[in-house]
Amino acid sequence: MNVIHVHRDSVSLEYHMEVAGPLFAPFAPLIHLLSIDVYGRPADAVVEQLHHKARSLGGATVQVHPLHSGFVRLA
């Protein structure tokens, strides 16, 4: 299963994790998370929260990717 969250900024993601995070604790034994990919630059506190989530749900990797813009023309 893939889950995609779209947040307007780091504050929105931080709020989501603060409010929703504790609600998912009972489901933790049922989940084996493989990876978390973040596009953009969240606050350091959010990145640490994501690392904690990754550790608690199976030792997933966390990767933060910088924003990119533009396009590529295919030949």
PDB file of N, CA and C in Angstrom:
ATOM      1  N   MET A   1       0.840  -1.161   0.000  1.00  0.00           N
ATOM      2  CA  MET A   1       0.000   0.000   0.000  1.00  0.00           C
ATOM      3  C   MET A   1       0.895   1.236   0.000  1.00  0.00           C
ATOM      4  N   ASN A   2       0.521   2.219  -0.757  1.00  0.00           N
ATOM      5  CA  ASN A   2       1.192   3.509  -0.756  1.00  0.00           C
ATOM      6  C   ASN A   2       0.244   4.549  -0.186  1.00  0.00           C
ATOM      7  N   VAL A   3       0.788   5.447   0.595  1.00  0.00           N
ATOM      8  CA  VAL A   3       0.004   6.543   1.159  1.00  0.00           C
ATOM      9  C   VAL A   3       0.686   7.837   0.748  1.00  0.00           C
ATOM     10  N   ILE A   4      -0.087   8.772   0.251  1.00  0.00           N
ATOM     11  CA  ILE A   4       0.463  10.068  -0.161  1.00  0.00           C
ATOM     12  C   ILE A   4      -0.228  11.160   0.646  1.00  0.00           C
ATOM     13  N   HIS A   5       0.582  11.996   1.254  1.00  0.00           N
ATOM     14  CA  HIS A   5       0.073  13.170   1.969  1.00  0.00           C
ATOM     15  C   HIS A   5       0.571  14.391   1.221  1.00  0.00           C
ATOM     16  N   VAL A   6      -0.292  15.348   1.000  1.00  0.00           N
ATOM     17  CA  VAL A   6       0.100  16.610   0.387  1.00  0.00           C
ATOM     18  C   VAL A   6      -0.199  17.710   1.404  1.00  0.00           C
ATOM     19  N   HIS A   7       0.847  18.421   1.788  1.00  0.00           N
ATOM     20  CA  HIS A   7       0.707  19.497   2.768  1.00  0.00           C
ATOM     21  C   HIS A   7       1.226  20.790   2.157  1.00  0.00           C
ATOM     22  N   ARG A   8       0.585  21.880   2.497  1.00  0.00           N
ATOM     23  CA  ARG A   8       0.981  23.168   1.916  1.00  0.00           C
ATOM     24  C   ARG A   8       2.322  23.667   2.452  1.00  0.00           C
ATOM     25  N   ASP A   9       2.678  23.199   3.668  1.00  0.00           N
ATOM     26  CA  ASP A   9       3.948  23.621   4.251  1.00  0.00           C
ATOM     27  C   ASP A   9       4.314  22.673   5.390  1.00  0.00           C
ATOM     28  N   SER A  10       5.476  22.906   5.952  1.00  0.00           N
ATOM     29  CA  SER A  10       5.982  22.054   7.019  1.00  0.00           C
ATOM     30  C   SER A  10       5.096  22.121   8.260  1.00  0.00           C
ATOM     31  N   VAL A  11       4.525  23.282   8.531  1.00  0.00           N
ATOM     32  CA  VAL A  11       3.663  23.457   9.709  1.00  0.00           C
ATOM     33  C   VAL A  11       2.434  22.548   9.592  1.00  0.00           C
ATOM     34  N   SER A  12       1.875  22.441   8.402  1.00  0.00           N
ATOM     35  CA  SER A  12       0.714  21.585   8.185  1.00  0.00           C
ATOM     36  C   SER A  12       1.051  20.119   8.444  1.00  0.00           C
ATOM     37  N   LEU A  13       2.216  19.672   7.966  1.00  0.00           N
ATOM     38  CA  LEU A  13       2.650  18.293   8.207  1.00  0.00           C
ATOM     39  C   LEU A  13       2.895  18.065   9.696  1.00  0.00           C
ATOM     40  N   GLU A  14       3.522  19.028  10.339  1.00  0.00           N
ATOM     41  CA  GLU A  14       3.790  18.907  11.775  1.00  0.00           C
ATOM     42  C   GLU A  14       2.477  18.791  12.563  1.00  0.00           C
ATOM     43  N   TYR A  15       1.487  19.587  12.198  1.00  0.00           N
ATOM     44  CA  TYR A  15       0.187  19.532  12.866  1.00  0.00           C
ATOM     45  C   TYR A  15      -0.467  18.163  12.642  1.00  0.00           C
ATOM     46  N   HIS A  16      -0.409  17.674  11.421  1.00  0.00           N
ATOM     47  CA  HIS A  16      -0.982  16.359  11.104  1.00  0.00           C
ATOM     48  C   HIS A  16      -0.353  15.271  11.967  1.00  0.00           C
ATOM     49  N   MET A  17       0.957  15.301  12.084  1.00  0.00           N
ATOM     50  CA  MET A  17       1.652  14.270  12.855  1.00  0.00           C
ATOM     51  C   MET A  17       1.331  14.397  14.343  1.00  0.00           C
ATOM     52  N   GLU A  18       1.170  15.617  14.819  1.00  0.00           N
ATOM     53  CA  GLU A  18       0.855  15.846  16.236  1.00  0.00           C
ATOM     54  C   GLU A  18      -0.549  15.343  16.575  1.00  0.00           C
ATOM     55  N   VAL A  19      -1.496  15.603  15.691  1.00  0.00           N
ATOM     56  CA  VAL A  19      -2.891  15.247  15.961  1.00  0.00           C
ATOM     57  C   VAL A  19      -3.177  13.787  15.628  1.00  0.00           C
ATOM     58  N   ALA A  20      -2.760  13.345  14.462  1.00  0.00           N
ATOM     59  CA  ALA A  20      -3.115  11.996  13.998  1.00  0.00           C
ATOM     60  C   ALA A  20      -2.159  10.918  14.496  1.00  0.00           C
ATOM     61  N   GLY A  21      -0.920  11.267  14.739  1.00  0.00           N
ATOM     62  CA  GLY A  21       0.084  10.277  15.129  1.00  0.00           C
ATOM     63  C   GLY A  21      -0.323   9.367  16.271  1.00  0.00           C
ATOM     64  N   PRO A  22      -0.758   9.917  17.386  1.00  0.00           N
ATOM     65  CA  PRO A  22      -1.136   9.062  18.516  1.00  0.00           C
ATOM     66  C   PRO A  22      -2.325   8.137  18.222  1.00  0.00           C
ATOM     67  N   LEU A  23      -3.172   8.510  17.288  1.00  0.00           N
ATOM     68  CA  LEU A  23      -4.334   7.684  16.954  1.00  0.00           C
ATOM     69  C   LEU A  23      -3.949   6.383  16.261  1.00  0.00           C
ATOM     70  N   PHE A  24      -2.761   6.380  15.638  1.00  0.00           N
ATOM     71  CA  PHE A  24      -2.338   5.199  14.888  1.00  0.00           C
ATOM     72  C   PHE A  24      -1.511   4.217  15.716  1.00  0.00           C
ATOM     73  N   ALA A  25      -1.166   4.577  16.931  1.00  0.00           N
ATOM     74  CA  ALA A  25      -0.350   3.700  17.781  1.00  0.00           C
ATOM     75  C   ALA A  25      -0.938   2.298  17.933  1.00  0.00           C
ATOM     76  N   PRO A  26      -2.249   2.134  18.108  1.00  0.00           N
ATOM     77  CA  PRO A  26      -2.793   0.775  18.245  1.00  0.00           C
ATOM     78  C   PRO A  26      -2.599  -0.106  17.004  1.00  0.00           C
ATOM     79  N   PHE A  27      -2.396   0.522  15.849  1.00  0.00           N
ATOM     80  CA  PHE A  27      -2.218  -0.231  14.610  1.00  0.00           C
ATOM     81  C   PHE A  27      -0.766  -0.585  14.322  1.00  0.00           C
ATOM     82  N   ALA A  28       0.171  -0.056  15.098  1.00  0.00           N
ATOM     83  CA  ALA A  28       1.597  -0.250  14.830  1.00  0.00           C
ATOM     84  C   ALA A  28       1.997  -1.715  14.661  1.00  0.00           C
ATOM     85  N   PRO A  29       1.487  -2.653  15.456  1.00  0.00           N
ATOM     86  CA  PRO A  29       1.885  -4.053  15.268  1.00  0.00           C
ATOM     87  C   PRO A  29       1.436  -4.649  13.925  1.00  0.00           C
ATOM     88  N   LEU A  30       0.496  -4.002  13.278  1.00  0.00           N
ATOM     89  CA  LEU A  30      -0.020  -4.512  12.011  1.00  0.00           C
ATOM     90  C   LEU A  30       0.699  -3.932  10.793  1.00  0.00           C
ATOM     91  N   ILE A  31       1.612  -2.990  11.014  1.00  0.00           N
ATOM     92  CA  ILE A  31       2.245  -2.263   9.909  1.00  0.00           C
ATOM     93  C   ILE A  31       3.735  -2.539   9.875  1.00  0.00           C
ATOM     94  N   HIS A  32       4.243  -2.782   8.675  1.00  0.00           N
ATOM     95  CA  HIS A  32       5.688  -2.860   8.457  1.00  0.00           C
ATOM     96  C   HIS A  32       6.028  -1.837   7.373  1.00  0.00           C
ATOM     97  N   LEU A  33       6.409  -0.657   7.814  1.00  0.00           N
ATOM     98  CA  LEU A  33       6.701   0.458   6.918  1.00  0.00           C
ATOM     99  C   LEU A  33       8.042   0.254   6.241  1.00  0.00           C
ATOM    100  N   LEU A  34       8.098   0.491   4.927  1.00  0.00           N
ATOM    101  CA  LEU A  34       9.344   0.317   4.184  1.00  0.00           C
ATOM    102  C   LEU A  34      10.105   1.621   3.987  1.00  0.00           C
ATOM    103  N   SER A  35       9.401   2.694   3.659  1.00  0.00           N
ATOM    104  CA  SER A  35      10.105   3.950   3.411  1.00  0.00           C
ATOM    105  C   SER A  35       9.168   5.135   3.549  1.00  0.00           C
ATOM    106  N   ILE A  36       9.781   6.275   3.824  1.00  0.00           N
ATOM    107  CA  ILE A  36       9.094   7.566   3.834  1.00  0.00           C
ATOM    108  C   ILE A  36       9.909   8.491   2.945  1.00  0.00           C
ATOM    109  N   ASP A  37       9.260   9.069   1.950  1.00  0.00           N
ATOM    110  CA  ASP A  37       9.910  10.031   1.066  1.00  0.00           C
ATOM    111  C   ASP A  37       9.198  11.368   1.216  1.00  0.00           C
ATOM    112  N   VAL A  38       9.978  12.412   1.463  1.00  0.00           N
ATOM    113  CA  VAL A  38       9.447  13.760   1.629  1.00  0.00           C
ATOM    114  C   VAL A  38      10.031  14.614   0.516  1.00  0.00           C
ATOM    115  N   TYR A  39       9.166  15.348  -0.164  1.00  0.00           N
ATOM    116  CA  TYR A  39       9.602  16.240  -1.236  1.00  0.00           C
ATOM    117  C   TYR A  39       9.408  17.670  -0.765  1.00  0.00           C
ATOM    118  N   GLY A  40      10.500  18.416  -0.694  1.00  0.00           N
ATOM    119  CA  GLY A  40      10.494  19.749  -0.112  1.00  0.00           C
ATOM    120  C   GLY A  40      11.364  19.729   1.126  1.00  0.00           C
ATOM    121  N   ARG A  41      11.337  20.800   1.881  1.00  0.00           N
ATOM    122  CA  ARG A  41      12.181  20.881   3.068  1.00  0.00           C
ATOM    123  C   ARG A  41      11.344  21.118   4.307  1.00  0.00           C
ATOM    124  N   PRO A  42      11.020  20.048   5.034  1.00  0.00           N
ATOM    125  CA  PRO A  42      10.283  20.223   6.281  1.00  0.00           C
ATOM    126  C   PRO A  42      11.216  20.713   7.389  1.00  0.00           C
ATOM    127  N   ALA A  43      10.622  21.182   8.457  1.00  0.00           N
ATOM    128  CA  ALA A  43      11.396  21.608   9.623  1.00  0.00           C
ATOM    129  C   ALA A  43      12.147  20.413  10.202  1.00  0.00           C
ATOM    130  N   ASP A  44      13.256  20.686  10.859  1.00  0.00           N
ATOM    131  CA  ASP A  44      14.058  19.611  11.463  1.00  0.00           C
ATOM    132  C   ASP A  44      13.246  18.775  12.448  1.00  0.00           C
ATOM    133  N   ALA A  45      12.343  19.429  13.194  1.00  0.00           N
ATOM    134  CA  ALA A  45      11.510  18.695  14.159  1.00  0.00           C
ATOM    135  C   ALA A  45      10.622  17.681  13.451  1.00  0.00           C
ATOM    136  N   VAL A  46      10.110  18.035  12.274  1.00  0.00           N
ATOM    137  CA  VAL A  46       9.271  17.113  11.500  1.00  0.00           C
ATOM    138  C   VAL A  46      10.098  15.935  11.005  1.00  0.00           C
ATOM    139  N   VAL A  47      11.298  16.208  10.537  1.00  0.00           N
ATOM    140  CA  VAL A  47      12.167  15.125  10.062  1.00  0.00           C
ATOM    141  C   VAL A  47      12.454  14.150  11.209  1.00  0.00           C
ATOM    142  N   GLU A  48      12.697  14.680  12.394  1.00  0.00           N
ATOM    143  CA  GLU A  48      12.940  13.807  13.549  1.00  0.00           C
ATOM    144  C   GLU A  48      11.696  12.989  13.877  1.00  0.00           C
ATOM    145  N   GLN A  49      10.526  13.603  13.794  1.00  0.00           N
ATOM    146  CA  GLN A  49       9.272  12.859  14.021  1.00  0.00           C
ATOM    147  C   GLN A  49       9.120  11.732  12.994  1.00  0.00           C
ATOM    148  N   LEU A  50       9.480  12.001  11.759  1.00  0.00           N
ATOM    149  CA  LEU A  50       9.381  10.982  10.707  1.00  0.00           C
ATOM    150  C   LEU A  50      10.362   9.838  10.960  1.00  0.00           C
ATOM    151  N   HIS A  51      11.553  10.166  11.439  1.00  0.00           N
ATOM    152  CA  HIS A  51      12.516   9.111  11.783  1.00  0.00           C
ATOM    153  C   HIS A  51      11.982   8.253  12.928  1.00  0.00           C
ATOM    154  N   HIS A  52      11.365   8.889  13.908  1.00  0.00           N
ATOM    155  CA  HIS A  52      10.771   8.137  15.022  1.00  0.00           C
ATOM    156  C   HIS A  52       9.666   7.214  14.503  1.00  0.00           C
ATOM    157  N   LYS A  53       8.815   7.740  13.649  1.00  0.00           N
ATOM    158  CA  LYS A  53       7.743   6.933  13.054  1.00  0.00           C
ATOM    159  C   LYS A  53       8.331   5.755  12.288  1.00  0.00           C
ATOM    160  N   ALA A  54       9.369   6.002  11.518  1.00  0.00           N
ATOM    161  CA  ALA A  54      10.002   4.942  10.734  1.00  0.00           C
ATOM    162  C   ALA A  54      10.576   3.852  11.630  1.00  0.00           C
ATOM    163  N   ARG A  55      11.231   4.245  12.719  1.00  0.00           N
ATOM    164  CA  ARG A  55      11.791   3.258  13.655  1.00  0.00           C
ATOM    165  C   ARG A  55      10.695   2.429  14.322  1.00  0.00           C
ATOM    166  N   SER A  56       9.608   3.085  14.691  1.00  0.00           N
ATOM    167  CA  SER A  56       8.551   2.388  15.420  1.00  0.00           C
ATOM    168  C   SER A  56       7.693   1.494  14.528  1.00  0.00           C
ATOM    169  N   LEU A  57       7.768   1.685  13.224  1.00  0.00           N
ATOM    170  CA  LEU A  57       6.953   0.881  12.304  1.00  0.00           C
ATOM    171  C   LEU A  57       7.797  -0.017  11.407  1.00  0.00           C
ATOM    172  N   GLY A  58       8.906  -0.507  11.915  1.00  0.00           N
ATOM    173  CA  GLY A  58       9.659  -1.496  11.157  1.00  0.00           C
ATOM    174  C   GLY A  58      11.020  -1.082  10.656  1.00  0.00           C
ATOM    175  N   GLY A  59      11.522   0.049  11.082  1.00  0.00           N
ATOM    176  CA  GLY A  59      12.869   0.444  10.683  1.00  0.00           C
ATOM    177  C   GLY A  59      12.973   0.966   9.266  1.00  0.00           C
ATOM    178  N   ALA A  60      11.972   1.668   8.802  1.00  0.00           N
ATOM    179  CA  ALA A  60      11.951   2.198   7.434  1.00  0.00           C
ATOM    180  C   ALA A  60      13.025   3.264   7.228  1.00  0.00           C
ATOM    181  N   THR A  61      13.315   3.526   5.972  1.00  0.00           N
ATOM    182  CA  THR A  61      14.222   4.616   5.631  1.00  0.00           C
ATOM    183  C   THR A  61      13.425   5.906   5.484  1.00  0.00           C
ATOM    184  N   VAL A  62      14.073   7.032   5.754  1.00  0.00           N
ATOM    185  CA  VAL A  62      13.473   8.349   5.567  1.00  0.00           C
ATOM    186  C   VAL A  62      14.395   9.118   4.639  1.00  0.00           C
ATOM    187  N   GLN A  63      13.841   9.588   3.539  1.00  0.00           N
ATOM    188  CA  GLN A  63      14.624  10.384   2.597  1.00  0.00           C
ATOM    189  C   GLN A  63      13.914  11.704   2.349  1.00  0.00           C
ATOM    190  N   VAL A  64      14.670  12.799   2.437  1.00  0.00           N
ATOM    191  CA  VAL A  64      14.146  14.128   2.146  1.00  0.00           C
ATOM    192  C   VAL A  64      14.737  14.562   0.814  1.00  0.00           C
ATOM    193  N   HIS A  65      13.866  14.838  -0.146  1.00  0.00           N
ATOM    194  CA  HIS A  65      14.273  15.226  -1.491  1.00  0.00           C
ATOM    195  C   HIS A  65      14.018  16.721  -1.680  1.00  0.00           C
ATOM    196  N   PRO A  66      14.991  17.449  -2.213  1.00  0.00           N
ATOM    197  CA  PRO A  66      14.765  18.883  -2.437  1.00  0.00           C
ATOM    198  C   PRO A  66      13.719  19.089  -3.526  1.00  0.00           C
ATOM    199  N   LEU A  67      13.099  20.267  -3.490  1.00  0.00           N
ATOM    200  CA  LEU A  67      12.135  20.589  -4.528  1.00  0.00           C
ATOM    201  C   LEU A  67      12.833  20.747  -5.875  1.00  0.00           C
ATOM    202  N   HIS A  68      12.184  20.293  -6.916  1.00  0.00           N
ATOM    203  CA  HIS A  68      12.688  20.455  -8.280  1.00  0.00           C
ATOM    204  C   HIS A  68      11.593  21.113  -9.100  1.00  0.00           C
ATOM    205  N   SER A  69      11.991  21.831 -10.104  1.00  0.00           N
ATOM    206  CA  SER A  69      11.003  22.395 -11.014  1.00  0.00           C
ATOM    207  C   SER A  69      11.537  22.267 -12.421  1.00  0.00           C
ATOM    208  N   GLY A  70      10.658  22.389 -13.353  1.00  0.00           N
ATOM    209  CA  GLY A  70      11.045  22.285 -14.753  1.00  0.00           C
ATOM    210  C   GLY A  70      10.509  21.026 -15.374  1.00  0.00           C
ATOM    211  N   PHE A  71      11.036  20.700 -16.546  1.00  0.00           N
ATOM    212  CA  PHE A  71      10.589  19.516 -17.242  1.00  0.00           C
ATOM    213  C   PHE A  71      11.713  18.992 -18.120  1.00  0.00           C
ATOM    214  N   VAL A  72      11.531  17.803 -18.637  1.00  0.00           N
ATOM    215  CA  VAL A  72      12.510  17.178 -19.516  1.00  0.00           C
ATOM    216  C   VAL A  72      11.790  16.805 -20.806  1.00  0.00           C
ATOM    217  N   ARG A  73      12.378  17.121 -21.928  1.00  0.00           N
ATOM    218  CA  ARG A  73      11.802  16.728 -23.225  1.00  0.00           C
ATOM    219  C   ARG A  73      12.365  15.366 -23.604  1.00  0.00           C
ATOM    220  N   LEU A  74      11.494  14.462 -23.919  1.00  0.00           N
ATOM    221  CA  LEU A  74      11.934  13.142 -24.372  1.00  0.00           C
ATOM    222  C   LEU A  74      12.214  13.192 -25.870  1.00  0.00           C
ATOM    223  N   ALA A  75      13.237  12.477 -26.269  1.00  0.00           N
ATOM    224  CA  ALA A  75      13.614  12.456 -27.692  1.00  0.00           C
ATOM    225  C   ALA A  75      12.580  11.742 -28.531  1.00  0.00           C
TER     226      ALA A  75
END
